[in-house]
Amino acid sequence: MSYCSMCGTKANDGAIFCSKCGSNLQKGQPSDLEVKEIRSESNISFFSISNKRLALFSVITFGLYEIFWFYKNWSAVKMAEGKKIAPFWRAIFAVFFCHSLFKKVLESAKSHSYTKSYSPGWLAAGYIIILFINNALSKAESTDISTLLLLLFSLISFLPLLPVQNAINYNNEQLKGAMPLKHGFSGGEVTIIVVGIIWFFLVLVGTFSA
């Protein structure tokens, strides 16, 4: 009995490629323990949200919503894989953990025959660069140009997350069927949105008063 080393699907005798994900079956077979780990990693139900909602929440909270986004996805990983990880701290220090999350999402989606792709490395690099630019601008001397640039980069920080969210939504549909995306607001989302709106208002007042 053989299994696909990418998605853990049972393979027919003599098969060269996996019938589910299309991976080459001639690269060696995983052990039973590895098969269980592969299946658990490919059955992660990540945080489902439409791209429009993700963009909206990120913009009106100046990127604070992204912390919540990372937290929910790492919580899903922890629940599915049973690993001793701290989702909160992985969300706070997303610069160190975003690449591994982006890669894990893509691998899970690919195990369910996801046809699109993205580079976890390039997306992580782009996200980290945006965060560092925001940090540098926030510490720079306040001028009209620096304030406008800070606003701009704060409003586009969600862009590297969109390809990842597309893969997440596809992955979750394969696990649960055509499950509708969430339309309501959780308590955590409401809290972050309120804080973000207050912050947005204070930034505007500070900009125009200056």
N, C-alpha and C. Protein backbone atom coordinates (compact mmCIF):
# COMPACT_ATOMS: atom_id res chain seq x y z
N MET A 1 0.85 -1.20 0.00
CA MET A 1 0.00 0.00 0.00
C MET A 1 0.89 1.25 0.00
N SER A 2 0.62 2.18 -0.90
CA SER A 2 1.43 3.39 -0.98
C SER A 2 0.55 4.63 -0.82
N TYR A 3 1.20 5.71 -0.43
CA TYR A 3 0.50 6.97 -0.21
C TYR A 3 1.26 8.10 -0.88
N CYS A 4 0.55 9.16 -1.26
CA CYS A 4 1.17 10.34 -1.83
C CYS A 4 1.93 11.08 -0.73
N SER A 5 3.17 11.44 -1.01
CA SER A 5 3.99 12.13 -0.01
C SER A 5 3.58 13.59 0.16
N MET A 6 2.73 14.11 -0.73
CA MET A 6 2.30 15.50 -0.64
C MET A 6 0.98 15.66 0.09
N CYS A 7 0.00 14.79 -0.22
CA CYS A 7 -1.32 14.96 0.39
C CYS A 7 -1.79 13.77 1.21
N GLY A 8 -1.04 12.67 1.17
CA GLY A 8 -1.40 11.51 1.98
C GLY A 8 -2.48 10.63 1.40
N THR A 9 -2.88 10.87 0.15
CA THR A 9 -3.93 10.08 -0.48
C THR A 9 -3.41 8.69 -0.85
N LYS A 10 -4.24 7.67 -0.63
CA LYS A 10 -3.87 6.31 -0.99
C LYS A 10 -3.73 6.21 -2.51
N ALA A 11 -2.63 5.60 -2.96
CA ALA A 11 -2.37 5.50 -4.40
C ALA A 11 -2.56 4.07 -4.88
N ASN A 12 -3.03 3.95 -6.11
CA ASN A 12 -3.19 2.64 -6.72
C ASN A 12 -1.83 2.04 -7.05
N ASP A 13 -1.73 0.73 -7.00
CA ASP A 13 -0.48 0.05 -7.31
C ASP A 13 -0.05 0.36 -8.75
N GLY A 14 1.19 0.77 -8.91
CA GLY A 14 1.71 1.07 -10.23
C GLY A 14 1.48 2.49 -10.69
N ALA A 15 0.75 3.27 -9.92
CA ALA A 15 0.47 4.65 -10.32
C ALA A 15 1.75 5.49 -10.25
N ILE A 16 1.90 6.39 -11.18
CA ILE A 16 3.07 7.26 -11.22
C ILE A 16 2.77 8.61 -10.59
N PHE A 17 1.54 9.09 -10.80
CA PHE A 17 1.15 10.39 -10.25
C PHE A 17 -0.07 10.23 -9.35
N CYS A 18 -0.16 11.10 -8.34
CA CYS A 18 -1.29 11.08 -7.40
C CYS A 18 -2.57 11.48 -8.13
N SER A 19 -3.63 10.75 -7.90
CA SER A 19 -4.91 11.04 -8.56
C SER A 19 -5.57 12.29 -8.01
N LYS A 20 -5.12 12.75 -6.83
CA LYS A 20 -5.75 13.91 -6.20
C LYS A 20 -4.98 15.20 -6.45
N CYS A 21 -3.66 15.18 -6.15
CA CYS A 21 -2.89 16.42 -6.27
C CYS A 21 -1.91 16.42 -7.44
N GLY A 22 -1.73 15.24 -8.10
CA GLY A 22 -0.86 15.17 -9.26
C GLY A 22 0.61 15.05 -8.98
N SER A 23 1.00 14.87 -7.71
CA SER A 23 2.41 14.77 -7.35
C SER A 23 3.01 13.46 -7.85
N ASN A 24 4.32 13.48 -8.10
CA ASN A 24 5.05 12.29 -8.54
C ASN A 24 5.13 11.30 -7.39
N LEU A 25 4.66 10.07 -7.63
CA LEU A 25 4.65 9.06 -6.57
C LEU A 25 5.93 8.24 -6.52
N GLN A 26 6.88 8.54 -7.41
CA GLN A 26 8.10 7.75 -7.48
C GLN A 26 9.24 8.33 -6.65
N LYS A 27 8.96 9.35 -5.85
CA LYS A 27 10.00 10.01 -5.07
C LYS A 27 10.17 9.41 -3.68
N GLY A 28 9.63 8.25 -3.44
CA GLY A 28 9.74 7.65 -2.11
C GLY A 28 8.43 7.75 -1.37
N GLN A 29 8.15 6.75 -0.55
CA GLN A 29 6.88 6.71 0.15
C GLN A 29 7.05 7.09 1.62
N PRO A 30 6.10 7.86 2.18
CA PRO A 30 6.19 8.25 3.58
C PRO A 30 5.78 7.10 4.50
N SER A 31 6.23 7.19 5.73
CA SER A 31 5.83 6.21 6.74
C SER A 31 4.39 6.48 7.16
N ASP A 32 3.81 5.53 7.93
CA ASP A 32 2.43 5.73 8.40
C ASP A 32 2.32 7.00 9.24
N LEU A 33 3.35 7.26 10.08
CA LEU A 33 3.33 8.47 10.92
C LEU A 33 3.37 9.72 10.05
N GLU A 34 4.20 9.69 9.00
CA GLU A 34 4.29 10.83 8.10
C GLU A 34 2.98 11.04 7.36
N VAL A 35 2.31 9.95 7.01
CA VAL A 35 1.02 10.06 6.33
C VAL A 35 0.01 10.76 7.23
N LYS A 36 -0.01 10.40 8.50
CA LYS A 36 -0.93 11.05 9.45
C LYS A 36 -0.61 12.53 9.57
N GLU A 37 0.69 12.88 9.59
CA GLU A 37 1.08 14.28 9.70
C GLU A 37 0.69 15.05 8.44
N ILE A 38 0.89 14.41 7.28
CA ILE A 38 0.52 15.06 6.02
C ILE A 38 -0.97 15.32 5.97
N ARG A 39 -1.76 14.32 6.37
CA ARG A 39 -3.22 14.49 6.33
C ARG A 39 -3.68 15.58 7.28
N SER A 40 -3.06 15.67 8.46
CA SER A 40 -3.46 16.71 9.41
C SER A 40 -3.10 18.09 8.88
N GLU A 41 -1.94 18.19 8.19
CA GLU A 41 -1.52 19.46 7.65
C GLU A 41 -2.37 19.88 6.46
N SER A 42 -2.94 18.92 5.74
CA SER A 42 -3.76 19.25 4.57
C SER A 42 -5.24 19.39 4.93
N ASN A 43 -5.57 19.21 6.19
CA ASN A 43 -6.96 19.33 6.62
C ASN A 43 -7.14 20.49 7.60
N ILE A 44 -6.34 21.53 7.42
CA ILE A 44 -6.44 22.71 8.27
C ILE A 44 -7.54 23.62 7.74
N SER A 45 -8.49 23.95 8.58
CA SER A 45 -9.54 24.88 8.21
C SER A 45 -9.10 26.27 8.64
N PHE A 46 -8.52 27.01 7.71
CA PHE A 46 -8.00 28.34 8.02
C PHE A 46 -9.13 29.35 8.19
N PHE A 47 -8.75 30.60 8.37
CA PHE A 47 -9.71 31.68 8.62
C PHE A 47 -10.31 32.16 7.31
N SER A 48 -11.59 31.88 7.09
CA SER A 48 -12.27 32.28 5.85
C SER A 48 -12.80 33.70 5.95
N ILE A 49 -12.49 34.48 4.93
CA ILE A 49 -13.02 35.84 4.83
C ILE A 49 -12.84 36.27 3.38
N SER A 50 -13.76 37.03 2.85
CA SER A 50 -13.62 37.48 1.47
C SER A 50 -12.49 38.50 1.37
N ASN A 51 -11.91 38.61 0.19
CA ASN A 51 -10.84 39.58 -0.02
C ASN A 51 -11.32 41.02 0.22
N LYS A 52 -12.56 41.30 -0.16
CA LYS A 52 -13.09 42.65 0.03
C LYS A 52 -13.19 43.00 1.50
N ARG A 53 -13.65 42.04 2.31
CA ARG A 53 -13.75 42.30 3.75
C ARG A 53 -12.37 42.43 4.37
N LEU A 54 -11.45 41.59 3.95
CA LEU A 54 -10.09 41.66 4.47
C LEU A 54 -9.47 43.02 4.15
N ALA A 55 -9.66 43.48 2.92
CA ALA A 55 -9.13 44.78 2.52
C ALA A 55 -9.80 45.91 3.30
N LEU A 56 -11.11 45.85 3.45
CA LEU A 56 -11.85 46.89 4.15
C LEU A 56 -11.42 46.99 5.60
N PHE A 57 -11.38 45.85 6.29
CA PHE A 57 -11.01 45.85 7.70
C PHE A 57 -9.57 46.31 7.91
N SER A 58 -8.70 45.95 6.99
CA SER A 58 -7.30 46.36 7.09
C SER A 58 -7.16 47.86 6.91
N VAL A 59 -7.88 48.41 5.93
CA VAL A 59 -7.79 49.84 5.63
C VAL A 59 -8.32 50.68 6.79
N ILE A 60 -9.51 50.34 7.28
CA ILE A 60 -10.11 51.19 8.32
C ILE A 60 -9.45 51.02 9.68
N THR A 61 -8.59 50.02 9.82
CA THR A 61 -7.86 49.84 11.08
C THR A 61 -6.37 50.10 10.92
N PHE A 62 -5.97 50.63 9.77
CA PHE A 62 -4.56 50.92 9.51
C PHE A 62 -3.69 49.68 9.71
N GLY A 63 -4.19 48.53 9.31
CA GLY A 63 -3.41 47.31 9.38
C GLY A 63 -3.55 46.52 10.66
N LEU A 64 -4.23 47.06 11.67
CA LEU A 64 -4.38 46.34 12.93
C LEU A 64 -5.14 45.03 12.75
N TYR A 65 -6.06 45.01 11.81
CA TYR A 65 -6.86 43.80 11.58
C TYR A 65 -5.99 42.63 11.15
N GLU A 66 -4.85 42.94 10.56
CA GLU A 66 -3.96 41.88 10.10
C GLU A 66 -3.41 41.06 11.26
N ILE A 67 -3.26 41.67 12.42
CA ILE A 67 -2.84 40.93 13.61
C ILE A 67 -3.88 39.88 13.95
N PHE A 68 -5.14 40.28 13.90
CA PHE A 68 -6.25 39.36 14.16
C PHE A 68 -6.26 38.24 13.11
N TRP A 69 -6.00 38.60 11.85
CA TRP A 69 -5.97 37.63 10.75
C TRP A 69 -4.89 36.58 10.98
N PHE A 70 -3.71 37.01 11.32
CA PHE A 70 -2.63 36.07 11.60
C PHE A 70 -2.95 35.21 12.81
N TYR A 71 -3.54 35.81 13.84
CA TYR A 71 -3.89 35.06 15.05
C TYR A 71 -4.89 33.95 14.74
N LYS A 72 -5.92 34.26 13.97
CA LYS A 72 -6.94 33.26 13.65
C LYS A 72 -6.36 32.11 12.83
N ASN A 73 -5.48 32.43 11.90
CA ASN A 73 -4.90 31.38 11.07
C ASN A 73 -3.92 30.51 11.85
N TRP A 74 -3.11 31.10 12.71
CA TRP A 74 -2.20 30.29 13.53
C TRP A 74 -2.98 29.47 14.55
N SER A 75 -4.11 29.98 15.01
CA SER A 75 -4.96 29.21 15.92
C SER A 75 -5.51 27.98 15.21
N ALA A 76 -5.86 28.14 13.92
CA ALA A 76 -6.35 27.01 13.13
C ALA A 76 -5.26 25.96 12.95
N VAL A 77 -4.03 26.42 12.72
CA VAL A 77 -2.90 25.50 12.58
C VAL A 77 -2.67 24.74 13.88
N LYS A 78 -2.70 25.45 14.99
CA LYS A 78 -2.49 24.82 16.29
C LYS A 78 -3.55 23.77 16.57
N MET A 79 -4.80 24.08 16.26
CA MET A 79 -5.89 23.15 16.52
C MET A 79 -5.78 21.91 15.64
N ALA A 80 -5.41 22.09 14.38
CA ALA A 80 -5.37 20.97 13.43
C ALA A 80 -4.17 20.07 13.67
N GLU A 81 -3.02 20.67 13.98
CA GLU A 81 -1.79 19.89 14.08
C GLU A 81 -1.42 19.52 15.51
N GLY A 82 -2.09 20.18 16.48
CA GLY A 82 -1.81 19.87 17.88
C GLY A 82 -0.42 20.28 18.33
N LYS A 83 0.15 21.25 17.66
CA LYS A 83 1.50 21.69 18.02
C LYS A 83 1.46 22.74 19.13
N LYS A 84 2.53 22.78 19.91
CA LYS A 84 2.63 23.74 21.00
C LYS A 84 3.19 25.05 20.47
N ILE A 85 2.32 25.81 19.83
CA ILE A 85 2.71 27.12 19.31
C ILE A 85 1.85 28.18 19.98
N ALA A 86 2.30 29.42 19.94
CA ALA A 86 1.58 30.53 20.56
C ALA A 86 1.02 31.43 19.45
N PRO A 87 -0.23 31.24 19.03
CA PRO A 87 -0.80 32.04 17.94
C PRO A 87 -0.73 33.54 18.19
N PHE A 88 -0.93 33.96 19.44
CA PHE A 88 -0.91 35.40 19.74
C PHE A 88 0.45 36.01 19.42
N TRP A 89 1.50 35.38 19.90
CA TRP A 89 2.84 35.92 19.67
C TRP A 89 3.27 35.78 18.21
N ARG A 90 2.81 34.76 17.53
CA ARG A 90 3.11 34.62 16.11
C ARG A 90 2.39 35.69 15.29
N ALA A 91 1.26 36.16 15.80
CA ALA A 91 0.55 37.25 15.14
C ALA A 91 1.24 38.59 15.42
N ILE A 92 1.67 38.79 16.65
CA ILE A 92 2.35 40.04 17.02
C ILE A 92 3.67 40.17 16.26
N PHE A 93 4.41 39.07 16.20
CA PHE A 93 5.70 39.08 15.51
C PHE A 93 5.56 38.42 14.13
N ALA A 94 4.61 38.92 13.37
CA ALA A 94 4.30 38.34 12.06
C ALA A 94 5.48 38.39 11.10
N VAL A 95 6.38 39.36 11.29
CA VAL A 95 7.53 39.46 10.38
C VAL A 95 8.39 38.20 10.42
N PHE A 96 8.39 37.51 11.56
CA PHE A 96 9.20 36.30 11.69
C PHE A 96 8.46 35.03 11.27
N PHE A 97 7.13 35.09 11.24
CA PHE A 97 6.35 33.88 11.01
C PHE A 97 5.45 33.93 9.78
N CYS A 98 5.40 35.07 9.08
CA CYS A 98 4.47 35.16 7.94
C CYS A 98 4.87 34.20 6.82
N HIS A 99 6.16 34.03 6.59
CA HIS A 99 6.59 33.14 5.51
C HIS A 99 6.13 31.71 5.75
N SER A 100 6.31 31.22 6.97
CA SER A 100 5.91 29.83 7.26
C SER A 100 4.41 29.65 7.15
N LEU A 101 3.63 30.67 7.51
CA LEU A 101 2.17 30.57 7.36
C LEU A 101 1.78 30.58 5.90
N PHE A 102 2.36 31.49 5.12
CA PHE A 102 2.04 31.56 3.69
C PHE A 102 2.37 30.24 3.01
N LYS A 103 3.49 29.64 3.37
CA LYS A 103 3.91 28.37 2.78
C LYS A 103 2.97 27.25 3.19
N LYS A 104 2.58 27.23 4.45
CA LYS A 104 1.69 26.18 4.94
C LYS A 104 0.32 26.25 4.26
N VAL A 105 -0.18 27.46 4.07
CA VAL A 105 -1.46 27.65 3.39
C VAL A 105 -1.39 27.12 1.96
N LEU A 106 -0.32 27.48 1.25
CA LEU A 106 -0.18 27.05 -0.15
C LEU A 106 -0.07 25.54 -0.24
N GLU A 107 0.71 24.91 0.64
CA GLU A 107 0.86 23.46 0.62
C GLU A 107 -0.48 22.77 0.88
N SER A 108 -1.25 23.32 1.82
CA SER A 108 -2.55 22.73 2.12
C SER A 108 -3.50 22.86 0.94
N ALA A 109 -3.52 24.04 0.31
CA ALA A 109 -4.40 24.25 -0.85
C ALA A 109 -3.97 23.37 -2.02
N LYS A 110 -2.66 23.25 -2.24
CA LYS A 110 -2.15 22.42 -3.34
C LYS A 110 -2.52 20.95 -3.13
N SER A 111 -2.57 20.52 -1.88
CA SER A 111 -2.95 19.13 -1.61
C SER A 111 -4.39 18.85 -1.99
N HIS A 112 -5.17 19.93 -2.19
CA HIS A 112 -6.57 19.80 -2.63
C HIS A 112 -6.73 20.26 -4.08
N SER A 113 -5.62 20.14 -4.84
CA SER A 113 -5.63 20.42 -6.29
C SER A 113 -5.84 21.90 -6.62
N TYR A 114 -5.31 22.78 -5.80
CA TYR A 114 -5.37 24.22 -6.09
C TYR A 114 -4.48 24.51 -7.29
N THR A 115 -5.03 25.10 -8.34
CA THR A 115 -4.30 25.27 -9.58
C THR A 115 -3.48 26.56 -9.62
N LYS A 116 -3.85 27.54 -8.83
CA LYS A 116 -3.10 28.79 -8.80
C LYS A 116 -1.89 28.64 -7.87
N SER A 117 -1.03 29.65 -7.89
CA SER A 117 0.15 29.56 -7.03
C SER A 117 0.64 30.96 -6.69
N TYR A 118 1.56 31.03 -5.75
CA TYR A 118 2.22 32.28 -5.39
C TYR A 118 3.54 31.92 -4.72
N SER A 119 4.40 32.88 -4.58
CA SER A 119 5.69 32.66 -3.94
C SER A 119 5.61 33.09 -2.49
N PRO A 120 5.62 32.15 -1.54
CA PRO A 120 5.59 32.53 -0.12
C PRO A 120 6.74 33.47 0.25
N GLY A 121 7.91 33.25 -0.37
CA GLY A 121 9.06 34.09 -0.06
C GLY A 121 8.87 35.53 -0.51
N TRP A 122 8.40 35.72 -1.74
CA TRP A 122 8.20 37.08 -2.25
C TRP A 122 7.07 37.80 -1.52
N LEU A 123 5.99 37.08 -1.23
CA LEU A 123 4.89 37.71 -0.50
C LEU A 123 5.32 38.11 0.90
N ALA A 124 6.07 37.23 1.57
CA ALA A 124 6.57 37.54 2.91
C ALA A 124 7.52 38.73 2.86
N ALA A 125 8.39 38.75 1.85
CA ALA A 125 9.33 39.85 1.71
C ALA A 125 8.59 41.17 1.50
N GLY A 126 7.57 41.14 0.64
CA GLY A 126 6.79 42.35 0.39
C GLY A 126 6.08 42.84 1.64
N TYR A 127 5.50 41.90 2.39
CA TYR A 127 4.78 42.28 3.61
C TYR A 127 5.74 42.86 4.64
N ILE A 128 6.89 42.23 4.80
CA ILE A 128 7.87 42.70 5.78
C ILE A 128 8.40 44.08 5.40
N ILE A 129 8.67 44.29 4.11
CA ILE A 129 9.16 45.59 3.65
C ILE A 129 8.15 46.69 3.95
N ILE A 130 6.88 46.42 3.69
CA ILE A 130 5.84 47.41 3.98
C ILE A 130 5.80 47.74 5.47
N LEU A 131 5.90 46.71 6.31
CA LEU A 131 5.87 46.94 7.76
C LEU A 131 7.07 47.76 8.22
N PHE A 132 8.25 47.48 7.67
CA PHE A 132 9.45 48.22 8.05
C PHE A 132 9.38 49.67 7.57
N ILE A 133 8.81 49.88 6.38
CA ILE A 133 8.65 51.26 5.89
C ILE A 133 7.69 52.02 6.80
N ASN A 134 6.61 51.38 7.20
CA ASN A 134 5.66 52.01 8.12
C ASN A 134 6.33 52.38 9.42
N ASN A 135 7.13 51.46 9.95
CA ASN A 135 7.82 51.70 11.21
C ASN A 135 8.80 52.86 11.09
N ALA A 136 9.54 52.89 9.97
CA ALA A 136 10.51 53.97 9.77
C ALA A 136 9.82 55.33 9.62
N LEU A 137 8.72 55.36 8.88
CA LEU A 137 8.00 56.61 8.68
C LEU A 137 7.36 57.12 9.97
N SER A 138 6.91 56.18 10.82
CA SER A 138 6.29 56.59 12.08
C SER A 138 7.29 57.24 13.03
N LYS A 139 8.58 56.91 12.84
CA LYS A 139 9.62 57.47 13.71
C LYS A 139 10.31 58.67 13.09
N ALA A 140 10.02 58.93 11.81
CA ALA A 140 10.66 60.05 11.12
C ALA A 140 10.03 61.37 11.54
N GLU A 141 10.73 62.46 11.24
CA GLU A 141 10.20 63.79 11.55
C GLU A 141 8.91 64.00 10.78
N SER A 142 7.90 64.48 11.47
CA SER A 142 6.58 64.63 10.88
C SER A 142 6.55 65.78 9.88
N THR A 143 6.32 65.42 8.63
CA THR A 143 6.12 66.41 7.56
C THR A 143 4.90 65.98 6.75
N ASP A 144 4.46 66.86 5.88
CA ASP A 144 3.30 66.51 5.05
C ASP A 144 3.58 65.27 4.21
N ILE A 145 4.79 65.19 3.65
CA ILE A 145 5.13 64.06 2.78
C ILE A 145 5.22 62.77 3.58
N SER A 146 5.90 62.81 4.73
CA SER A 146 6.06 61.60 5.54
C SER A 146 4.72 61.10 6.07
N THR A 147 3.84 62.03 6.40
CA THR A 147 2.51 61.65 6.89
C THR A 147 1.70 60.98 5.79
N LEU A 148 1.75 61.55 4.59
CA LEU A 148 1.03 60.97 3.46
C LEU A 148 1.58 59.59 3.10
N LEU A 149 2.91 59.45 3.14
CA LEU A 149 3.52 58.15 2.83
C LEU A 149 3.14 57.12 3.89
N LEU A 150 3.11 57.55 5.15
CA LEU A 150 2.71 56.64 6.23
C LEU A 150 1.27 56.18 6.04
N LEU A 151 0.40 57.10 5.67
CA LEU A 151 -0.99 56.74 5.40
C LEU A 151 -1.08 55.76 4.24
N LEU A 152 -0.32 56.03 3.18
CA LEU A 152 -0.36 55.19 1.99
C LEU A 152 0.08 53.77 2.30
N PHE A 153 1.24 53.61 2.94
CA PHE A 153 1.75 52.27 3.20
C PHE A 153 0.92 51.54 4.26
N SER A 154 0.28 52.30 5.14
CA SER A 154 -0.61 51.66 6.12
C SER A 154 -1.85 51.11 5.45
N LEU A 155 -2.27 51.76 4.37
CA LEU A 155 -3.50 51.37 3.69
C LEU A 155 -3.31 50.24 2.69
N ILE A 156 -2.05 49.95 2.32
CA ILE A 156 -1.82 48.89 1.32
C ILE A 156 -1.14 47.66 1.92
N SER A 157 -0.99 47.61 3.23
CA SER A 157 -0.27 46.50 3.84
C SER A 157 -0.98 45.16 3.66
N PHE A 158 -2.27 45.19 3.33
CA PHE A 158 -3.03 43.96 3.16
C PHE A 158 -2.78 43.28 1.83
N LEU A 159 -2.20 43.99 0.86
CA LEU A 159 -2.06 43.46 -0.50
C LEU A 159 -1.34 42.11 -0.57
N PRO A 160 -0.22 41.91 0.15
CA PRO A 160 0.44 40.60 0.08
C PRO A 160 -0.40 39.46 0.67
N LEU A 161 -1.44 39.79 1.43
CA LEU A 161 -2.27 38.75 2.05
C LEU A 161 -3.36 38.23 1.12
N LEU A 162 -3.67 38.98 0.07
CA LEU A 162 -4.79 38.60 -0.79
C LEU A 162 -4.59 37.26 -1.51
N PRO A 163 -3.41 37.00 -2.12
CA PRO A 163 -3.22 35.68 -2.74
C PRO A 163 -3.31 34.54 -1.74
N VAL A 164 -2.85 34.81 -0.52
CA VAL A 164 -2.92 33.79 0.54
C VAL A 164 -4.38 33.53 0.91
N GLN A 165 -5.17 34.59 1.00
CA GLN A 165 -6.58 34.43 1.35
C GLN A 165 -7.34 33.69 0.27
N ASN A 166 -6.98 33.92 -0.99
CA ASN A 166 -7.61 33.16 -2.08
C ASN A 166 -7.37 31.66 -1.91
N ALA A 167 -6.12 31.31 -1.56
CA ALA A 167 -5.78 29.90 -1.34
C ALA A 167 -6.51 29.34 -0.12
N ILE A 168 -6.64 30.16 0.91
CA ILE A 168 -7.36 29.73 2.13
C ILE A 168 -8.81 29.43 1.80
N ASN A 169 -9.47 30.33 1.09
CA ASN A 169 -10.89 30.14 0.79
C ASN A 169 -11.12 28.91 -0.08
N TYR A 170 -10.21 28.67 -1.03
CA TYR A 170 -10.31 27.46 -1.84
C TYR A 170 -10.11 26.22 -0.97
N ASN A 171 -9.08 26.26 -0.14
CA ASN A 171 -8.78 25.13 0.75
C ASN A 171 -9.97 24.78 1.62
N ASN A 172 -10.59 25.79 2.20
CA ASN A 172 -11.71 25.55 3.11
C ASN A 172 -12.94 25.04 2.38
N GLU A 173 -13.14 25.48 1.16
CA GLU A 173 -14.26 24.98 0.37
C GLU A 173 -14.11 23.49 0.09
N GLN A 174 -12.88 23.05 -0.13
CA GLN A 174 -12.65 21.63 -0.39
C GLN A 174 -12.87 20.79 0.86
N LEU A 175 -12.64 21.38 2.01
CA LEU A 175 -12.83 20.65 3.26
C LEU A 175 -14.30 20.61 3.68
N LYS A 176 -15.01 21.70 3.44
CA LYS A 176 -16.37 21.82 3.96
C LYS A 176 -17.43 21.92 2.87
N GLY A 177 -17.03 21.81 1.62
CA GLY A 177 -17.98 22.03 0.55
C GLY A 177 -18.08 23.53 0.29
N ALA A 178 -19.10 23.93 -0.43
CA ALA A 178 -19.29 25.34 -0.77
C ALA A 178 -19.79 26.11 0.44
N MET A 179 -18.94 26.24 1.44
CA MET A 179 -19.31 26.93 2.67
C MET A 179 -19.29 28.44 2.44
N PRO A 180 -20.39 29.15 2.73
CA PRO A 180 -20.41 30.60 2.51
C PRO A 180 -19.41 31.31 3.41
N LEU A 181 -18.83 32.38 2.89
CA LEU A 181 -17.89 33.14 3.67
C LEU A 181 -18.62 33.89 4.77
N LYS A 182 -17.88 34.17 5.82
CA LYS A 182 -18.44 34.84 6.98
C LYS A 182 -18.85 36.27 6.63
N HIS A 183 -20.04 36.66 7.06
CA HIS A 183 -20.52 38.01 6.79
C HIS A 183 -20.75 38.82 8.07
N GLY A 184 -20.90 38.18 9.20
CA GLY A 184 -21.09 38.89 10.45
C GLY A 184 -19.77 39.34 11.04
N PHE A 185 -19.82 39.90 12.25
CA PHE A 185 -18.63 40.39 12.92
C PHE A 185 -18.48 39.68 14.26
N SER A 186 -17.26 39.22 14.52
CA SER A 186 -16.98 38.60 15.82
C SER A 186 -16.62 39.70 16.81
N GLY A 187 -16.58 39.32 18.09
CA GLY A 187 -16.23 40.30 19.12
C GLY A 187 -14.84 40.88 18.90
N GLY A 188 -13.90 40.01 18.50
CA GLY A 188 -12.53 40.48 18.25
C GLY A 188 -12.47 41.44 17.09
N GLU A 189 -13.24 41.16 16.03
CA GLU A 189 -13.26 42.05 14.87
C GLU A 189 -13.84 43.41 15.24
N VAL A 190 -14.91 43.40 16.01
CA VAL A 190 -15.53 44.67 16.41
C VAL A 190 -14.56 45.51 17.22
N THR A 191 -13.84 44.87 18.15
CA THR A 191 -12.88 45.59 18.99
C THR A 191 -11.79 46.23 18.16
N ILE A 192 -11.21 45.44 17.25
CA ILE A 192 -10.13 45.95 16.43
C ILE A 192 -10.61 47.06 15.50
N ILE A 193 -11.81 46.90 14.94
CA ILE A 193 -12.35 47.91 14.03
C ILE A 193 -12.59 49.23 14.78
N VAL A 194 -13.15 49.15 15.99
CA VAL A 194 -13.40 50.36 16.78
C VAL A 194 -12.09 51.08 17.09
N VAL A 195 -11.09 50.31 17.52
CA VAL A 195 -9.78 50.89 17.83
C VAL A 195 -9.18 51.52 16.58
N GLY A 196 -9.30 50.82 15.45
CA GLY A 196 -8.76 51.34 14.20
C GLY A 196 -9.43 52.62 13.75
N ILE A 197 -10.75 52.70 13.88
CA ILE A 197 -11.47 53.90 13.49
C ILE A 197 -11.07 55.09 14.36
N ILE A 198 -10.92 54.83 15.67
CA ILE A 198 -10.48 55.90 16.57
C ILE A 198 -9.08 56.38 16.18
N TRP A 199 -8.20 55.41 15.89
CA TRP A 199 -6.84 55.75 15.48
C TRP A 199 -6.86 56.54 14.17
N PHE A 200 -7.68 56.11 13.22
CA PHE A 200 -7.81 56.79 11.93
C PHE A 200 -8.26 58.24 12.15
N PHE A 201 -9.24 58.44 13.02
CA PHE A 201 -9.76 59.77 13.32
C PHE A 201 -8.69 60.65 13.95
N LEU A 202 -7.92 60.09 14.89
CA LEU A 202 -6.87 60.87 15.55
C LEU A 202 -5.77 61.27 14.57
N VAL A 203 -5.44 60.34 13.65
CA VAL A 203 -4.42 60.65 12.63
C VAL A 203 -4.90 61.79 11.74
N LEU A 204 -6.15 61.75 11.33
CA LEU A 204 -6.68 62.81 10.47
C LEU A 204 -6.71 64.15 11.21
N VAL A 205 -7.12 64.14 12.48
CA VAL A 205 -7.16 65.37 13.27
C VAL A 205 -5.75 65.92 13.42
N GLY A 206 -4.80 65.04 13.70
CA GLY A 206 -3.41 65.50 13.85
C GLY A 206 -2.85 66.06 12.56
N THR A 207 -3.20 65.43 11.43
CA THR A 207 -2.68 65.87 10.14
C THR A 207 -3.22 67.25 9.76
N PHE A 208 -4.55 67.44 9.90
CA PHE A 208 -5.15 68.70 9.50
C PHE A 208 -4.86 69.82 10.49
N SER A 209 -4.74 69.48 11.76
CA SER A 209 -4.43 70.52 12.75
C SER A 209 -3.00 71.01 12.58
N ALA A 210 -2.11 70.12 12.12
CA ALA A 210 -0.73 70.54 11.89
C ALA A 210 -0.66 71.48 10.68
